[in-house]
Structure formats: structure tokens, C-alpha cells
């Protein structure tokens, strides 16, 4: 099914195909004509990262750290309740007809939630496509069958383990569009280069999506990639000339690096930080944030006291948007990257003289 939403506040259209995941957004419309000017934000989030998990069996096992991943949600040390089913149902109710997709997540594997199947079904009943990322640690064939029935895509985090590979094969066998999520930091970029250059990621996957390491939670500052790291030029060159049998993707945190290194990618098709512009995060205890990496909750709004719309329109969310509106005013690529991450400027892959963040 194809969904069409007109944003009457900011005057643009979006189209979403829930079978393919294709998403199209027009520029700002004047007299029904596209001006070519991208809207800065939407009047309601288009994608919400719903943190249904409050605790993580995989993190508690120590396997996350063993794989060299510093969990930004501190899954090894923090124990909290999972999101209640009735709370999730209320989020769905407020989002019906406005939101295209939920990215289910939080502090743990969503497939380990006690109401996993009901959560997926609730999404589809309200024409919202659920997607999620899992370590694969506790994934079962029953889970894979539910994913095939309800999910748009499932990503398996690259933990370099037998359960990683088993989960990928289980999902592929069930007919699920399967991606790999790969955290890119100083300690992992060499392996990424080797696997891309020699095509050694598992066969049959839809895409490898690279997520930039952030110094949040258990994530260390020492593992942050330096913009001058010569390995980055090799990495982005591989993305710029992809000849692999699967897609290559990046999180929006990496867009400044794309701007500085890639000549063949269509920049108009990329979105920089969508936080508080087109997406947001809701924690298991119902605090809404522009981005899940705000673990200090500087910009948080409680949904116990406010609606999603009120949180979206709040001073906290406006404060998060402020640097994205104003950063790097003299840079010719300002509209593409908007200065990069407002939370952690040290991860921004840019050394341009015009940078102000």
C-alpha cells in the first residue's frame, strides 16, 4: 500500500510504500508547484524510534563488550522495566495516519519483549510498518515468522559471533528483508574495509548500514573516528563506487563525511540529522527525545504529562533544532549537513574552515 500525507503547516507532501520502504518527500509547495526548497521539518514525526526495551539480556551477558561494541544505552549495567503494552498502544493511537514507520528498539533486543507479537500486530493494524534491530542472541524461528508477517525489514547488529550469523540465516530463510547494522569506529573500520573490499559479509542480505560510533553510555571517546583518519577516504570511496551485490547505507550522523568524500552520491537524496525534524525517540518509560543518544535527557518531555504533538512542539525540541538551523552559515553545503550532530560535535566528520559546531 502507498501512503500519501500532506503537511498543511509546512506545505509539502510525503509518499511512503509500505511494501518496498520507498520514501519520497517533495520540496515546499507553492500553488501546488515544488519550489525545490527542502522543508526543514515536519509538523509531526514521520518515523519514531520506540524504545520498547528497558533491559538487555545480551548486554548483561557481556557479549556486547566482547565484540568491541560500547552500548550507548548502557545495557550491561542498567536494568529497567520494558515498555508496557498499554503504553505502546497509546503511542500507536496518537500516531495512526501520521507516522509511516516505527523503529523498535531501546535497551535490548525487541524480539525479547514479552509482548513482541502483539506489538508488531498493533503496528500493522494502524498502518504503521514496524522495523527493528536485534543482536540475534535470543532470536527464534517463531520470531522470524512474526517478522516475515509484520516487519518491513529487520537488522542484525554485527557482533562477529555464531548467533549473529545464525540470526541472519534464520531471517533470510523466513523471507525477511535482512540488513546488517555495523558500528563504525576506530576499532572496527579496518574490518569494514576488508569485508567490503573482499565481499565477505553474508550472502543474501539486503544491505549493510554503517552506524557511526558515538561516545555515549558505554561508548568511549577513544573510539571516535577522527575526520583526518586516512582510512575514511578509502571507506567513502567504496560507498561512492559500490559494486557489491547488496546496498550500502549510513546513518544520518555520517552525512558530513559523505559531503566531504563522495562525488557520485546524490546529496539531494540524503537526510542529515532528522532529530526533532522528521524523527524522534520514545523511551520505555515514556520520555520523548529528539534523539536516542540524548541519554542525559537534556531535551526530554514526559509523555505521561504531554501528548506526542505537544512534545514535538515543545521548547525542548525547539532548542535541539536551533543549532541545525544556524550552524556553518557560510558553508556551501550547509543545507545538506546542517553542521552535523547537535549532541556530540566531536563525531562530525568535517574539518572545513566554515564549520562552526
Protein backbone atom coordinates (compact mmCIF):
# COMPACT_ATOMS: atom_id res chain seq x y z
CA UNK A 1 0.00 0.00 0.00
CA UNK A 2 1.17 3.52 -0.77
CA UNK A 3 0.55 6.26 1.76
CA UNK A 4 0.30 9.97 0.98
CA UNK A 5 0.50 12.65 3.67
CA UNK A 6 0.19 16.38 3.10
CA UNK A 7 1.77 18.60 5.74
CA UNK A 8 -0.56 21.59 5.85
CA UNK A 9 1.68 23.53 8.25
CA UNK A 10 4.91 23.30 6.26
CA UNK A 11 3.35 22.73 2.82
CA UNK A 12 4.92 19.57 1.43
CA UNK A 13 3.89 16.04 0.50
CA UNK A 14 5.35 12.70 1.51
CA UNK A 15 4.77 9.34 -0.11
CA UNK A 16 5.59 6.00 1.51
CA UNK A 17 5.34 2.49 0.05
CA UNK A 18 4.89 0.03 2.90
CA UNK A 19 5.93 -2.90 0.69
CA UNK A 20 9.27 -1.57 -0.52
CA UNK A 21 10.06 1.03 2.17
CA UNK A 22 10.47 3.71 -0.52
CA UNK A 23 10.00 7.20 0.93
CA UNK A 24 9.65 10.36 -1.13
CA UNK A 25 9.35 13.92 0.11
CA UNK A 26 8.65 16.92 -2.08
CA UNK A 27 10.11 20.36 -1.62
CA UNK A 28 7.96 23.13 -0.19
CA UNK A 29 4.91 23.60 -2.41
CA UNK A 30 3.60 26.96 -3.60
CA UNK A 31 0.44 26.95 -5.72
CA UNK A 32 0.89 23.17 -5.98
CA UNK A 33 4.33 23.59 -7.54
CA UNK A 34 7.51 22.24 -6.00
CA UNK A 35 9.85 25.13 -5.17
CA UNK A 36 12.85 22.81 -4.84
CA UNK A 37 13.41 24.08 -1.30
CA UNK A 38 13.53 21.26 1.25
CA UNK A 39 11.29 21.64 4.29
CA UNK A 40 13.34 21.95 7.45
CA UNK A 41 10.92 19.84 9.49
CA UNK A 42 7.51 18.21 9.61
CA UNK A 43 4.59 19.15 11.82
CA UNK A 44 4.63 15.61 13.31
CA UNK A 45 7.37 12.96 13.21
CA UNK A 46 7.37 10.63 10.21
CA UNK A 47 9.46 7.95 11.91
CA UNK A 48 9.59 7.21 15.62
CA UNK A 49 12.23 5.14 17.36
CA UNK A 50 10.15 3.45 20.06
CA UNK A 51 12.32 2.10 22.86
CA UNK A 52 10.17 -0.79 23.99
CA UNK A 53 13.08 -2.44 25.86
CA UNK A 54 14.24 -1.35 29.30
CA UNK A 55 16.83 -4.07 29.87
CA UNK A 56 19.09 -6.26 27.77
CA UNK A 57 19.91 -9.96 28.22
CA UNK A 58 22.61 -9.70 25.55
CA UNK A 59 24.25 -6.72 27.25
CA UNK A 60 24.13 -8.40 30.67
CA UNK A 61 25.91 -11.42 29.18
CA UNK A 62 28.95 -9.27 28.37
CA UNK A 63 28.89 -10.36 24.72
CA UNK A 64 28.32 -6.78 23.52
CA UNK A 65 31.54 -5.59 25.12
CA UNK A 66 33.36 -8.73 23.99
CA UNK A 67 32.51 -7.83 20.38
CA UNK A 68 34.01 -4.36 20.87
CA UNK A 69 30.66 -2.55 20.98
CA UNK A 70 30.17 0.12 23.64
CA UNK A 71 26.41 0.13 24.23
CA UNK A 72 25.16 3.71 24.21
CA UNK A 73 22.18 2.66 26.37
CA UNK A 74 24.50 1.05 28.96
CA UNK A 75 22.74 -2.29 28.61
CA UNK A 76 25.34 -4.09 30.71
CA UNK A 77 24.70 -2.02 33.82
CA UNK A 78 21.18 -0.54 33.61
CA UNK A 79 18.10 -2.61 34.46
CA UNK A 80 14.66 -1.06 33.90
CA UNK A 81 11.17 -2.36 33.01
CA UNK A 82 10.19 -2.85 29.39
CA UNK A 83 7.51 -0.61 27.91
CA UNK A 84 4.01 -1.69 28.96
CA UNK A 85 1.75 -2.91 26.16
CA UNK A 86 -0.92 -0.35 27.03
CA UNK A 87 1.65 2.45 26.80
CA UNK A 88 2.73 1.22 23.38
CA UNK A 89 -0.91 1.05 22.28
CA UNK A 90 -1.39 4.69 23.27
CA UNK A 91 1.64 5.72 21.21
CA UNK A 92 0.19 3.85 18.24
CA UNK A 93 -3.18 5.53 18.72
CA UNK A 94 -1.62 9.01 18.63
CA UNK A 95 0.47 8.17 15.56
CA UNK A 96 -2.12 6.45 13.37
CA UNK A 97 -2.41 8.18 10.00
CA UNK A 98 0.58 10.42 10.73
CA UNK A 99 3.61 8.14 11.09
CA UNK A 100 4.89 5.79 8.40
CA UNK A 101 7.28 3.61 10.40
CA UNK A 102 8.34 2.64 13.89
CA UNK A 103 11.91 1.58 14.58
CA UNK A 104 11.50 -0.63 17.63
CA UNK A 105 14.45 -0.57 19.98
CA UNK A 106 15.53 0.60 23.39
CA UNK A 107 17.90 -1.04 25.85
CA UNK A 108 17.75 -4.58 24.48
CA UNK A 109 16.53 -6.79 21.65
CA UNK A 110 12.88 -6.02 20.77
CA UNK A 111 12.28 -9.70 19.94
CA UNK A 112 12.85 -10.40 23.65
CA UNK A 113 9.88 -8.22 24.69
CA UNK A 114 7.18 -10.20 26.46
CA UNK A 115 4.54 -8.81 24.06
CA UNK A 116 6.63 -8.83 20.88
CA UNK A 117 3.99 -10.39 18.60
CA UNK A 118 1.20 -8.15 19.91
CA UNK A 119 3.36 -5.06 19.39
CA UNK A 120 4.03 -5.96 15.75
CA UNK A 121 0.35 -6.69 15.13
CA UNK A 122 -0.72 -3.38 16.71
CA UNK A 123 1.55 -1.50 14.32
CA UNK A 124 0.14 -3.13 11.21
CA UNK A 125 -3.45 -2.75 12.41
CA UNK A 126 -2.84 1.00 12.35
CA UNK A 127 -0.91 1.01 9.04
CA UNK A 128 2.47 1.60 10.66
CA UNK A 129 5.39 -0.51 9.43
CA UNK A 130 7.49 -1.93 12.30
CA UNK A 131 11.23 -2.47 11.85
CA UNK A 132 13.83 -3.31 14.45
CA UNK A 133 17.43 -4.22 15.16
CA UNK A 134 18.45 -7.32 17.10
CA UNK A 135 21.67 -8.88 18.31
CA UNK A 136 20.18 -12.23 17.32
CA UNK A 137 21.12 -13.56 20.77
CA UNK A 138 17.62 -14.88 21.57
CA UNK A 139 16.02 -14.89 18.13
CA UNK A 140 13.85 -17.94 17.39
CA UNK A 141 12.15 -19.34 14.30
CA UNK A 142 8.85 -18.19 15.79
CA UNK A 143 10.22 -14.65 15.99
CA UNK A 144 11.43 -14.87 12.40
CA UNK A 145 7.97 -15.95 11.25
CA UNK A 146 6.42 -12.95 13.01
CA UNK A 147 8.97 -10.70 11.31
CA UNK A 148 8.07 -12.13 7.91
CA UNK A 149 4.39 -11.46 8.60
CA UNK A 150 4.63 -7.94 10.00
CA UNK A 151 8.01 -6.24 9.54
CA UNK A 152 9.32 -4.14 6.69
CA UNK A 153 12.91 -5.10 7.46
CA UNK A 154 15.00 -6.45 10.31
CA UNK A 155 18.61 -5.53 11.01
CA UNK A 156 21.06 -7.78 12.81
CA UNK A 157 23.84 -5.98 14.67
CA UNK A 158 27.28 -7.17 13.61
CA UNK A 159 28.63 -8.89 16.74
CA UNK A 160 31.09 -11.21 14.96
CA UNK A 161 29.58 -14.33 16.51
CA UNK A 162 27.82 -17.57 15.65
CA UNK A 163 24.48 -16.21 16.88
CA UNK A 164 24.89 -13.20 14.55
CA UNK A 165 25.26 -15.48 11.54
CA UNK A 166 22.52 -17.85 12.76
CA UNK A 167 20.06 -14.95 13.13
CA UNK A 168 20.84 -13.65 9.64
CA UNK A 169 20.26 -17.08 8.10
CA UNK A 170 17.09 -17.63 10.14
CA UNK A 171 15.60 -14.34 8.94
CA UNK A 172 16.63 -14.90 5.33
CA UNK A 173 15.12 -18.40 5.40
CA UNK A 174 11.84 -16.90 6.63
CA UNK A 175 11.82 -14.44 3.73
CA UNK A 176 12.58 -11.34 5.80
CA UNK A 177 14.37 -8.37 4.21
CA UNK A 178 17.53 -8.53 6.31
CA UNK A 179 20.15 -5.85 6.89
CA UNK A 180 23.35 -5.76 8.90
CA UNK A 181 23.98 -2.84 11.26
CA UNK A 182 27.69 -2.22 11.65
CA UNK A 183 29.06 0.23 14.24
CA UNK A 184 31.90 2.16 12.62
CA UNK A 185 34.66 3.34 14.95
CA UNK A 186 38.43 3.37 15.20
CA UNK A 187 38.38 -0.24 16.37
CA UNK A 188 36.15 -1.56 13.56
CA UNK A 189 36.91 0.40 10.38
CA UNK A 190 39.74 -1.94 9.31
CA UNK A 191 37.41 -4.93 9.38
CA UNK A 192 34.77 -2.95 7.48
CA UNK A 193 37.28 -2.08 4.76
CA UNK A 194 38.43 -5.68 4.48
CA UNK A 195 34.89 -7.07 4.26
CA UNK A 196 33.80 -4.50 1.68
CA UNK A 197 36.91 -4.95 -0.43
CA UNK A 198 36.66 -8.75 -0.38
CA UNK A 199 32.84 -9.11 -0.23
CA UNK A 200 32.78 -11.25 2.91
CA UNK A 201 29.52 -10.14 4.51
CA UNK A 202 26.93 -12.97 4.42
CA UNK A 203 25.27 -13.65 1.06
CA UNK A 204 21.61 -12.78 0.58
CA UNK A 205 21.44 -9.69 2.76
CA UNK A 206 19.64 -6.58 1.57
CA UNK A 207 22.12 -4.01 2.89
CA UNK A 208 24.92 -3.19 5.29
CA UNK A 209 24.14 0.01 7.17
CA UNK A 210 27.05 1.71 8.93
CA UNK A 211 26.31 3.49 12.20
CA UNK A 212 28.86 5.99 13.42
CA UNK A 213 30.25 5.24 16.90
CA UNK A 214 29.20 7.83 19.49
CA UNK A 215 30.82 8.46 22.90
CA UNK A 216 27.57 7.87 24.79
CA UNK A 217 26.82 5.40 27.58
CA UNK A 218 29.48 2.69 27.41
CA UNK A 219 30.78 4.11 24.12
CA UNK A 220 34.28 5.52 24.61
CA UNK A 221 35.66 8.80 23.34
CA UNK A 222 38.84 6.96 22.30
CA UNK A 223 36.88 5.00 19.68
CA UNK A 224 35.55 8.12 17.91
CA UNK A 225 36.83 8.38 14.33
CA UNK A 226 38.94 11.43 13.54
CA UNK A 227 37.92 13.36 10.40
CA UNK A 228 41.57 13.22 9.27
CA UNK A 229 41.83 9.43 9.58
CA UNK A 230 43.11 8.32 6.13
CA UNK A 231 41.01 5.15 6.34
CA UNK A 232 37.87 7.26 5.96
CA UNK A 233 38.80 8.25 2.40
CA UNK A 234 39.07 4.55 1.48
CA UNK A 235 35.80 3.78 3.22
CA UNK A 236 33.79 6.50 1.50
CA UNK A 237 35.36 5.65 -1.87
CA UNK A 238 33.92 2.14 -1.53
CA UNK A 239 30.48 3.61 -0.85
CA UNK A 240 30.85 6.06 -3.70
CA UNK A 241 31.56 3.23 -6.18
CA UNK A 242 29.56 0.32 -4.78
CA UNK A 243 29.90 -2.85 -6.88
CA UNK A 244 28.69 -5.25 -4.19
CA UNK A 245 25.53 -7.38 -4.54
CA UNK A 246 23.85 -5.56 -1.64
CA UNK A 247 23.15 -1.94 -0.77
CA UNK A 248 25.37 0.17 1.46
CA UNK A 249 23.79 2.64 3.84
CA UNK A 250 24.77 5.12 6.53
CA UNK A 251 23.08 6.70 9.49
CA UNK A 252 22.44 10.43 9.23
CA UNK A 253 25.26 11.11 11.72
CA UNK A 254 27.71 10.19 8.95
CA UNK A 255 26.40 12.67 6.34
CA UNK A 256 29.17 15.27 6.90
CA UNK A 257 31.64 12.56 5.85
CA UNK A 258 29.62 11.87 2.71
CA UNK A 259 29.63 15.57 1.86
CA UNK A 260 33.40 15.74 2.22
CA UNK A 261 34.35 12.48 0.50
CA UNK A 262 31.71 11.34 -2.01
CA UNK A 263 31.31 12.74 -5.51
CA UNK A 264 28.90 10.23 -7.03
CA UNK A 265 26.17 10.03 -4.40
CA UNK A 266 23.09 12.19 -4.94
CA UNK A 267 23.18 14.57 -1.98
CA UNK A 268 19.57 15.61 -2.56
CA UNK A 269 18.54 12.06 -1.67
CA UNK A 270 20.28 12.18 1.72
CA UNK A 271 19.00 13.48 5.04
CA UNK A 272 21.28 14.82 7.72
CA UNK A 273 20.25 14.68 11.39
CA UNK A 274 16.47 14.12 11.39
CA UNK A 275 16.16 14.51 15.16
CA UNK A 276 13.23 16.81 16.05
CA UNK A 277 12.81 17.48 12.33
CA UNK A 278 11.35 14.24 10.97
CA UNK A 279 12.03 11.71 13.73
CA UNK A 280 12.24 11.27 17.49
CA UNK A 281 12.77 8.68 20.20
CA UNK A 282 10.42 7.49 22.95
CA UNK A 283 11.96 5.61 25.88
CA UNK A 284 10.44 2.62 27.67
CA UNK A 285 9.33 4.93 30.50
CA UNK A 286 7.66 7.33 28.03
CA UNK A 287 10.14 10.18 27.79
CA UNK A 288 10.21 11.62 24.28
CA UNK A 289 13.56 12.89 22.98
CA UNK A 290 14.74 14.29 19.64
CA UNK A 291 17.36 11.52 19.52
CA UNK A 292 18.00 8.32 21.47
CA UNK A 293 21.62 9.39 22.00
CA UNK A 294 20.47 12.10 24.41
CA UNK A 295 20.95 9.71 27.31
CA UNK A 296 21.20 12.64 29.71
CA UNK A 297 17.65 13.60 28.63
CA UNK A 298 18.53 17.26 28.22
CA UNK A 299 15.74 17.65 25.68
CA UNK A 300 13.26 15.18 27.17
CA UNK A 301 9.50 15.63 27.51
CA UNK A 302 7.40 13.18 29.54
CA UNK A 303 4.50 11.63 27.64
CA UNK A 304 2.86 10.95 30.98
CA UNK A 305 2.10 14.68 31.07
CA UNK A 306 2.07 15.64 27.38
CA UNK A 307 0.93 14.29 24.03
CA UNK A 308 3.38 13.41 21.26
CA UNK A 309 2.26 16.54 19.42
CA UNK A 310 2.89 18.71 22.47
CA UNK A 311 6.35 17.20 22.94
CA UNK A 312 7.13 17.79 19.25
CA UNK A 313 6.11 21.45 19.60
CA UNK A 314 7.89 21.94 22.94
CA UNK A 315 10.67 24.42 23.82
CA UNK A 316 12.97 21.44 24.44
CA UNK A 317 12.61 20.21 20.87
CA UNK A 318 12.97 23.74 19.52
CA UNK A 319 16.22 24.09 21.47
CA UNK A 320 17.55 20.92 19.80
CA UNK A 321 16.61 22.28 16.37
CA UNK A 322 18.31 25.65 16.94
CA UNK A 323 21.91 24.62 16.02
CA UNK A 324 20.67 22.71 12.97
CA UNK A 325 19.01 25.90 11.75
CA UNK A 326 22.05 28.12 12.30
CA UNK A 327 25.27 26.09 12.04
CA UNK A 328 28.02 26.83 9.50
CA UNK A 329 26.22 29.70 7.70
CA UNK A 330 28.99 30.34 5.13
CA UNK A 331 29.47 26.70 4.08
CA UNK A 332 28.21 25.92 0.55
CA UNK A 333 26.96 22.53 1.80
CA UNK A 334 25.18 23.95 4.85
CA UNK A 335 21.72 22.84 3.72
CA UNK A 336 22.93 19.28 3.19
CA UNK A 337 24.62 18.65 6.53
CA UNK A 338 23.42 21.49 8.84
CA UNK A 339 26.61 21.23 10.90
CA UNK A 340 26.09 17.61 11.88
CA UNK A 341 25.24 16.20 15.31
CA UNK A 342 23.91 18.79 17.83
CA UNK A 343 24.61 16.40 20.73
CA UNK A 344 28.16 15.25 20.08
CA UNK A 345 30.06 17.67 17.81
CA UNK A 346 33.23 15.59 18.22
CA UNK A 347 31.77 12.87 15.94
CA UNK A 348 31.20 15.25 12.99
CA UNK A 349 33.43 14.12 10.11
CA UNK A 350 34.40 17.59 8.92
CA UNK A 351 37.43 19.88 9.04
CA UNK A 352 36.08 22.61 6.76
CA UNK A 353 37.08 26.12 7.70
CA UNK A 354 33.44 27.23 7.63
CA UNK A 355 32.46 24.81 10.38
CA UNK A 356 31.02 26.50 13.49
CA UNK A 357 29.84 23.49 15.51
